Amino acid sequence: MPGKDKNKRPKLDLNIFPGNWTVTNQQMFKAFDLSFAQNWNPATFPWDELDQKNFDSKERIAQAYWMSKLALFEKSGIGAFGFGAVRAAELNMDDPTKKMLASITYDECRHDEVCRRACDKLCPNWPYGYKPQSDFEARALRNIQALYDDGRRYWEGFLKAWEYLPPEILFAGFFFAEIGAETIFNAMRQTSKLGIYQQTFRNITRDETRHLVATMALLRAMAEKFTEEQKLTITRQMKQGFIFLSPLLYQHKPEFWHLPADFDKVDQEMEEAARDAGLGVLTLEEKVKFWREAIEKKRSEIEEMGIKVPAIPELGVEGEVVQVKKNETIATSF
C-alpha cells in the first residue's frame, strides 16, 4: 500500500446549505455592519480632473502605469476574498464572517473600478489594447505586461495552498496586506495634489481600515486554537505577504517575482513622473517608513495572540527569521 500523502488534507464536507445567522464574532459583525454606513460610489467622483489635456504624455502614462499596477493587486483581492467567501459559506462559518468576506470582495471590485476609470480617462485602452507612441510608453507597458503575466503564478499557488493548508490558516493569513495598505493609502491621500486622488484614497483608506479590523478579528478568533506550528505558518505568511506586495509597496522581491532586470529602474522612473503629475506616490524611503510604522503599530496585538512578527530587514523590522524559498506558494491577499 502506498504511504499517505502528508500534503493532502482529509476531504471536507463542503456545502453552503443550510447556512446560519449565528454571530460568534462581535468585532467581525461591527466591521460588516459599518460597511453599510461607509458605502461610496466611484461613479460620482470628479474624473474630468484627469482629462488628457491637463497633462503631458509622460504624466498621463505614468499615472495610468501606477493605477494599473495597483489594479493587479486589487484583482488578486477580488479573487482571493471571493474564493474565501464561498469557502466560508461551505464551512458554515458564522454569519458575519461569511458576509464580511463578501463585502471585502465588493470593496476590491470598487477599488479596481477606480483604477479602470482613471486609466480610461488618462490613456484609453491602457494597458490591454494600448499602442505605445514612444520609448517611455513602451517601457511602461512592458513593465505592466511583465507584472500581469507573472502575477498569474499567484493564483495557481493560491489554489494549490487550499489543498494542503487548513482553511483557518489561509483565512488568518489575509490580514497582513491590510496593515500596509491602510497606512500607505492614507499617506497617499495626504500627499496627492489632485482632488480626485485625495477623494479616492480617502475612501479606499476607510475600506482598508475596516478590512484590517475584520481580518484581525478573524485571526484573533482562530489563534486560540492554533498550534505552535500553525502560528509559525502565519508568521511565514506575513513574510510572504511582504514579498507578494513588494512591487507596489516596496521594490519587487525575486523570491516570488520573475521580472525584467531593469523593472525597478523603470518603475522608479514612472513613479517619479506620476508624483510630479499630482498622484501621491510615495518615495521608496517613505514606503519603508510607513510600512514599518504600520507593522510596529500592530506588533503588540499580533504577539498577544502568540504569533511572532517576521523579520523584514528591508523595512527595518525585527522579528522571527523565516526563510521563504524561491517560487514558494504565496497564499496571502490584498
Protein backbone atom coordinates (compact mmCIF):
# COMPACT_ATOMS: atom_id res chain seq x y z
CA MET A 1 0.00 0.00 0.00
CA PRO A 2 1.40 3.43 -0.85
CA GLY A 3 2.00 5.77 2.04
CA LYS A 4 -0.36 8.65 2.73
CA ASP A 5 0.35 11.96 1.10
CA LYS A 6 1.22 14.18 4.02
CA ASN A 7 0.49 17.29 1.95
CA LYS A 8 -3.12 16.27 1.38
CA ARG A 9 -5.78 17.17 3.95
CA PRO A 10 -8.82 14.96 4.62
CA LYS A 11 -11.66 15.85 2.26
CA LEU A 12 -14.01 18.35 3.86
CA ASP A 13 -17.78 18.06 3.82
CA LEU A 14 -18.43 21.29 1.92
CA ASN A 15 -21.90 22.71 1.34
CA ILE A 16 -23.31 26.24 1.53
CA PHE A 17 -26.58 24.89 2.99
CA PRO A 18 -28.26 25.09 5.41
CA GLY A 19 -26.32 28.20 6.40
CA ASN A 20 -26.87 30.13 9.65
CA TRP A 21 -27.40 33.55 11.18
CA THR A 22 -25.07 32.81 14.08
CA VAL A 23 -22.97 35.70 15.41
CA THR A 24 -20.00 34.49 17.46
CA ASN A 25 -17.51 37.22 16.50
CA GLN A 26 -18.89 40.57 17.60
CA GLN A 27 -15.91 42.53 16.24
CA MET A 28 -16.48 40.98 12.84
CA PHE A 29 -20.17 41.88 12.98
CA LYS A 30 -19.33 45.50 13.82
CA ALA A 31 -16.94 45.70 10.86
CA PHE A 32 -19.52 44.26 8.48
CA ASP A 33 -22.27 46.49 9.85
CA LEU A 34 -20.05 49.53 9.27
CA SER A 35 -19.73 48.66 5.58
CA PHE A 36 -23.31 49.86 5.01
CA ALA A 37 -22.67 53.29 6.53
CA GLN A 38 -19.36 53.67 4.67
CA ASN A 39 -20.71 52.83 1.22
CA TRP A 40 -19.40 55.06 -1.61
CA ASN A 41 -19.83 55.30 -5.36
CA PRO A 42 -16.79 55.97 -7.60
CA ALA A 43 -19.12 56.90 -10.47
CA THR A 44 -19.83 60.20 -8.69
CA PHE A 45 -16.19 61.25 -8.46
CA PRO A 46 -14.82 64.22 -10.49
CA TRP A 47 -13.00 62.14 -13.11
CA ASP A 48 -12.77 65.10 -15.52
CA GLU A 49 -9.85 66.29 -13.41
CA LEU A 50 -7.89 63.50 -15.15
CA ASP A 51 -8.77 64.79 -18.62
CA GLN A 52 -5.89 64.14 -21.00
CA LYS A 53 -5.49 67.83 -21.84
CA ASN A 54 -4.44 68.53 -18.24
CA PHE A 55 -1.21 66.53 -18.55
CA ASP A 56 1.66 65.93 -20.92
CA SER A 57 2.09 62.46 -22.42
CA LYS A 58 4.56 61.24 -19.79
CA GLU A 59 2.36 62.40 -16.92
CA ARG A 60 -0.63 60.60 -18.39
CA ILE A 61 1.23 57.35 -18.96
CA ALA A 62 2.92 57.46 -15.55
CA GLN A 63 -0.37 57.86 -13.71
CA ALA A 64 -2.02 55.11 -15.76
CA TYR A 65 1.03 52.94 -15.09
CA TRP A 66 0.70 53.25 -11.32
CA MET A 67 -3.06 52.77 -11.30
CA SER A 68 -2.77 49.65 -13.46
CA LYS A 69 -0.06 48.35 -11.13
CA LEU A 70 -2.40 48.86 -8.18
CA ALA A 71 -5.16 47.13 -10.14
CA LEU A 72 -3.22 43.86 -10.31
CA PHE A 73 -3.30 43.62 -6.52
CA GLU A 74 -6.93 44.73 -6.29
CA LYS A 75 -7.82 41.98 -8.77
CA SER A 76 -5.96 39.46 -6.61
CA GLY A 77 -8.14 40.59 -3.71
CA ILE A 78 -11.33 40.11 -5.71
CA GLY A 79 -10.37 36.51 -6.45
CA ALA A 80 -8.92 35.60 -3.06
CA PHE A 81 -11.60 37.13 -0.85
CA GLY A 82 -14.31 35.96 -3.25
CA PHE A 83 -12.97 32.41 -3.06
CA GLY A 84 -12.71 32.82 0.71
CA ALA A 85 -16.34 33.96 0.98
CA VAL A 86 -17.53 30.85 -0.85
CA ARG A 87 -15.34 28.57 1.25
CA ALA A 88 -16.52 30.24 4.48
CA ALA A 89 -20.11 29.54 3.42
CA GLU A 90 -19.24 25.93 2.59
CA LEU A 91 -17.63 25.54 6.02
CA ASN A 92 -20.72 27.06 7.67
CA MET A 93 -18.68 29.70 9.47
CA ASP A 94 -20.57 32.32 11.48
CA ASP A 95 -22.79 34.72 9.53
CA PRO A 96 -20.82 38.00 9.76
CA THR A 97 -17.58 36.28 8.70
CA LYS A 98 -19.18 34.98 5.51
CA LYS A 99 -20.76 38.34 4.76
CA MET A 100 -17.66 40.37 5.63
CA LEU A 101 -15.55 38.36 3.19
CA ALA A 102 -18.19 39.04 0.52
CA SER A 103 -18.18 42.72 1.48
CA ILE A 104 -14.40 42.92 1.13
CA THR A 105 -14.71 41.28 -2.29
CA TYR A 106 -17.11 44.05 -3.33
CA ASP A 107 -14.72 46.69 -1.98
CA GLU A 108 -11.88 45.23 -4.02
CA CYS A 109 -14.13 45.42 -7.10
CA ARG A 110 -14.75 49.08 -6.30
CA HIS A 111 -11.04 49.79 -5.89
CA ASP A 112 -10.34 48.10 -9.20
CA GLU A 113 -13.07 50.22 -10.78
CA VAL A 114 -11.26 53.34 -9.56
CA CYS A 115 -8.15 52.11 -11.38
CA ARG A 116 -10.15 51.39 -14.54
CA ARG A 117 -11.81 54.81 -14.60
CA ALA A 118 -8.52 56.62 -14.02
CA CYS A 119 -6.79 54.73 -16.83
CA ASP A 120 -9.77 55.22 -19.15
CA LYS A 121 -9.61 59.00 -18.70
CA LEU A 122 -5.83 59.29 -18.92
CA CYS A 123 -4.98 56.66 -21.57
CA PRO A 124 -7.97 54.90 -23.17
CA ASN A 125 -7.34 51.18 -23.79
CA TRP A 126 -4.46 51.11 -21.27
CA PRO A 127 -2.92 48.62 -20.76
CA TYR A 128 -4.68 45.81 -22.64
CA GLY A 129 -5.09 47.42 -26.07
CA TYR A 130 -2.73 50.38 -25.87
CA LYS A 131 -0.20 51.06 -28.65
CA PRO A 132 2.88 52.86 -27.25
CA GLN A 133 3.95 56.01 -29.05
CA SER A 134 7.41 56.46 -27.51
CA ASP A 135 10.17 54.56 -25.76
CA PHE A 136 8.88 55.91 -22.41
CA GLU A 137 5.45 54.44 -23.10
CA ALA A 138 6.92 51.17 -24.36
CA ARG A 139 8.94 50.72 -21.15
CA ALA A 140 5.88 51.44 -19.03
CA LEU A 141 3.74 48.98 -20.94
CA ARG A 142 6.43 46.28 -20.86
CA ASN A 143 6.65 46.59 -17.07
CA ILE A 144 2.91 46.22 -16.62
CA GLN A 145 2.67 43.31 -19.03
CA ALA A 146 5.53 41.55 -17.24
CA LEU A 147 3.87 42.12 -13.87
CA TYR A 148 0.48 40.87 -15.07
CA ASP A 149 1.96 37.82 -16.81
CA ASP A 150 3.99 36.82 -13.78
CA GLY A 151 1.05 37.51 -11.45
CA ARG A 152 -0.75 34.53 -12.98
CA ARG A 153 1.51 32.32 -10.84
CA TYR A 154 -0.04 33.80 -7.70
CA TRP A 155 -3.46 32.36 -8.43
CA GLU A 156 -2.03 28.95 -9.27
CA GLY A 157 -0.23 28.91 -5.93
CA PHE A 158 -3.21 30.28 -4.01
CA LEU A 159 -5.48 27.48 -5.25
CA LYS A 160 -2.86 24.82 -4.53
CA ALA A 161 -2.48 26.11 -0.98
CA TRP A 162 -6.08 25.13 -0.20
CA GLU A 163 -5.07 21.51 -0.85
CA TYR A 164 -2.56 21.32 2.00
CA LEU A 165 -3.26 24.22 4.37
CA PRO A 166 -6.33 24.15 6.63
CA PRO A 167 -8.87 26.91 5.88
CA GLU A 168 -8.34 28.67 9.19
CA ILE A 169 -4.65 29.17 8.35
CA LEU A 170 -5.44 30.54 4.90
CA PHE A 171 -8.12 32.87 6.26
CA ALA A 172 -5.82 34.05 9.04
CA GLY A 173 -3.16 34.98 6.52
CA PHE A 174 -5.40 37.55 4.85
CA PHE A 175 -4.73 40.25 7.43
CA PHE A 176 -1.13 41.23 6.76
CA ALA A 177 -1.63 43.07 3.47
CA GLU A 178 -4.29 45.23 5.07
CA ILE A 179 -1.75 46.51 7.62
CA GLY A 180 0.41 48.11 4.95
CA ALA A 181 -2.45 49.14 2.68
CA GLU A 182 -4.29 51.13 5.35
CA THR A 183 -1.25 53.20 6.27
CA ILE A 184 0.21 53.74 2.81
CA PHE A 185 -3.09 54.72 1.15
CA ASN A 186 -3.70 57.18 3.96
CA ALA A 187 -0.26 58.69 3.32
CA MET A 188 -1.05 58.92 -0.40
CA ARG A 189 -4.28 60.72 0.40
CA GLN A 190 -2.28 63.37 2.18
CA THR A 191 0.45 63.72 -0.45
CA SER A 192 -1.75 63.69 -3.58
CA LYS A 193 -2.12 67.12 -5.16
CA LEU A 194 -5.26 66.36 -7.15
CA GLY A 195 -8.71 66.32 -5.59
CA ILE A 196 -9.75 63.15 -7.43
CA TYR A 197 -6.91 61.20 -5.84
CA GLN A 198 -7.49 62.70 -2.41
CA GLN A 199 -11.12 61.63 -2.57
CA THR A 200 -10.24 58.20 -3.93
CA PHE A 201 -7.61 57.38 -1.34
CA ARG A 202 -9.75 58.76 1.50
CA ASN A 203 -12.42 56.20 0.68
CA ILE A 204 -10.01 53.36 -0.06
CA THR A 205 -8.22 54.01 3.25
CA ARG A 206 -11.51 53.82 5.09
CA ASP A 207 -12.25 50.49 3.39
CA GLU A 208 -8.79 49.14 4.23
CA THR A 209 -9.18 50.17 7.86
CA ARG A 210 -12.43 48.24 8.04
CA HIS A 211 -10.79 45.26 6.32
CA LEU A 212 -7.97 45.31 8.84
CA VAL A 213 -10.42 45.32 11.77
CA ALA A 214 -12.26 42.37 10.24
CA THR A 215 -9.23 40.27 9.32
CA MET A 216 -7.62 40.89 12.70
CA ALA A 217 -10.89 39.85 14.38
CA LEU A 218 -10.85 36.66 12.31
CA LEU A 219 -7.23 35.98 13.25
CA ARG A 220 -7.92 36.62 16.93
CA ALA A 221 -10.87 34.23 16.96
CA MET A 222 -8.85 31.47 15.29
CA ALA A 223 -5.50 31.97 17.02
CA GLU A 224 -6.77 30.44 20.26
CA LYS A 225 -6.93 27.06 18.53
CA PHE A 226 -3.63 27.29 16.63
CA THR A 227 -0.72 25.01 17.44
CA GLU A 228 2.78 26.50 17.65
CA GLU A 229 3.48 25.10 14.19
CA GLN A 230 0.38 26.80 12.80
CA LYS A 231 1.35 30.09 14.41
CA LEU A 232 4.73 29.87 12.72
CA THR A 233 2.90 29.31 9.43
CA ILE A 234 1.09 32.62 9.99
CA THR A 235 4.47 34.28 10.56
CA ARG A 236 5.64 32.81 7.27
CA GLN A 237 2.50 34.08 5.53
CA MET A 238 3.24 37.57 6.81
CA LYS A 239 6.67 37.39 5.20
CA GLN A 240 5.08 36.06 2.02
CA GLY A 241 2.68 39.00 2.09
CA PHE A 242 5.59 41.40 2.09
CA ILE A 243 7.14 39.59 -0.87
CA PHE A 244 3.88 39.49 -2.83
CA LEU A 245 3.17 43.20 -2.33
CA SER A 246 6.76 44.29 -2.85
CA PRO A 247 6.32 45.64 -6.44
CA LEU A 248 3.65 48.04 -5.16
CA LEU A 249 4.71 48.91 -1.63
CA TYR A 250 8.50 48.44 -1.85
CA GLN A 251 10.64 47.04 -4.70
CA HIS A 252 9.98 43.65 -6.25
CA LYS A 253 11.45 40.69 -4.40
CA PRO A 254 12.82 37.81 -6.54
CA GLU A 255 11.72 35.14 -4.06
CA PHE A 256 8.42 35.24 -5.94
CA TRP A 257 8.55 37.76 -8.76
CA HIS A 258 10.28 36.94 -12.08
CA LEU A 259 10.52 40.40 -13.65
CA PRO A 260 12.91 42.10 -16.10
CA ALA A 261 16.31 43.07 -14.69
CA ASP A 262 15.56 46.78 -15.09
CA PHE A 263 11.98 46.56 -13.77
CA ASP A 264 12.70 48.58 -10.63
CA LYS A 265 14.62 51.24 -12.57
CA VAL A 266 11.70 51.75 -14.96
CA ASP A 267 9.24 51.55 -12.07
CA GLN A 268 11.04 54.34 -10.22
CA GLU A 269 11.03 56.48 -13.36
CA MET A 270 7.28 56.04 -13.75
CA GLU A 271 6.53 56.68 -10.09
CA GLU A 272 8.53 59.91 -10.12
CA ALA A 273 6.62 61.16 -13.17
CA ALA A 274 3.29 60.19 -11.58
CA ARG A 275 4.25 62.00 -8.39
CA ASP A 276 5.13 65.14 -10.36
CA ALA A 277 1.70 64.94 -12.03
CA GLY A 278 -0.08 65.03 -8.67
CA LEU A 279 -0.60 61.36 -7.85
CA GLY A 280 0.67 60.95 -4.30
CA VAL A 281 3.08 58.09 -5.00
CA LEU A 282 5.46 57.69 -2.08
CA THR A 283 9.22 57.63 -2.40
CA LEU A 284 11.00 54.38 -1.52
CA GLU A 285 12.12 55.91 1.77
CA GLU A 286 8.54 56.89 2.60
CA LYS A 287 7.23 53.41 1.72
CA VAL A 288 9.76 51.83 4.08
CA LYS A 289 8.95 54.30 6.85
CA PHE A 290 5.18 53.98 6.68
CA TRP A 291 5.10 50.20 6.24
CA ARG A 292 7.49 49.73 9.17
CA GLU A 293 5.39 52.04 11.35
CA ALA A 294 2.23 50.17 10.38
CA ILE A 295 3.70 46.80 11.38
CA GLU A 296 5.09 48.14 14.65
CA LYS A 297 1.70 49.68 15.44
CA LYS A 298 0.12 46.21 15.26
CA ARG A 299 3.04 44.24 16.70
CA SER A 300 1.77 44.02 20.29
CA GLU A 301 -1.71 42.95 19.13
CA ILE A 302 -0.21 40.21 16.95
CA GLU A 303 2.22 38.99 19.59
CA GLU A 304 -0.52 38.88 22.24
CA MET A 305 -2.04 36.06 20.15
CA GLY A 306 1.22 34.14 20.40
CA ILE A 307 2.13 34.90 16.79
CA LYS A 308 5.59 36.20 16.01
CA VAL A 309 6.22 39.06 13.59
CA PRO A 310 8.68 38.02 10.88
CA ALA A 311 11.99 39.79 10.47
CA ILE A 312 11.85 42.05 7.41
CA PRO A 313 15.31 43.66 7.25
CA GLU A 314 14.38 45.69 4.16
CA LEU A 315 11.87 47.61 6.30
CA GLY A 316 13.97 47.63 9.45
CA VAL A 317 11.50 45.25 11.16
CA GLU A 318 12.99 42.89 13.71
CA GLY A 319 11.40 39.53 14.47
CA GLU A 320 11.39 35.82 13.74
CA VAL A 321 13.71 34.82 10.89
CA VAL A 322 11.74 32.75 8.38
CA GLN A 323 13.11 31.51 5.11
CA VAL A 324 10.89 31.89 2.06
CA LYS A 325 12.20 29.77 -0.77
CA LYS A 326 12.21 30.90 -4.37
CA ASN A 327 8.88 30.12 -6.10
CA GLU A 328 7.26 29.18 -2.78
CA THR A 329 3.46 29.25 -2.85
CA ILE A 330 2.04 32.63 -1.86
CA ALA A 331 -1.38 32.40 -0.19
CA THR A 332 -1.89 35.93 1.05
CA SER A 333 -4.32 38.54 -0.29
CA PHE A 334 -4.57 42.30 -0.76
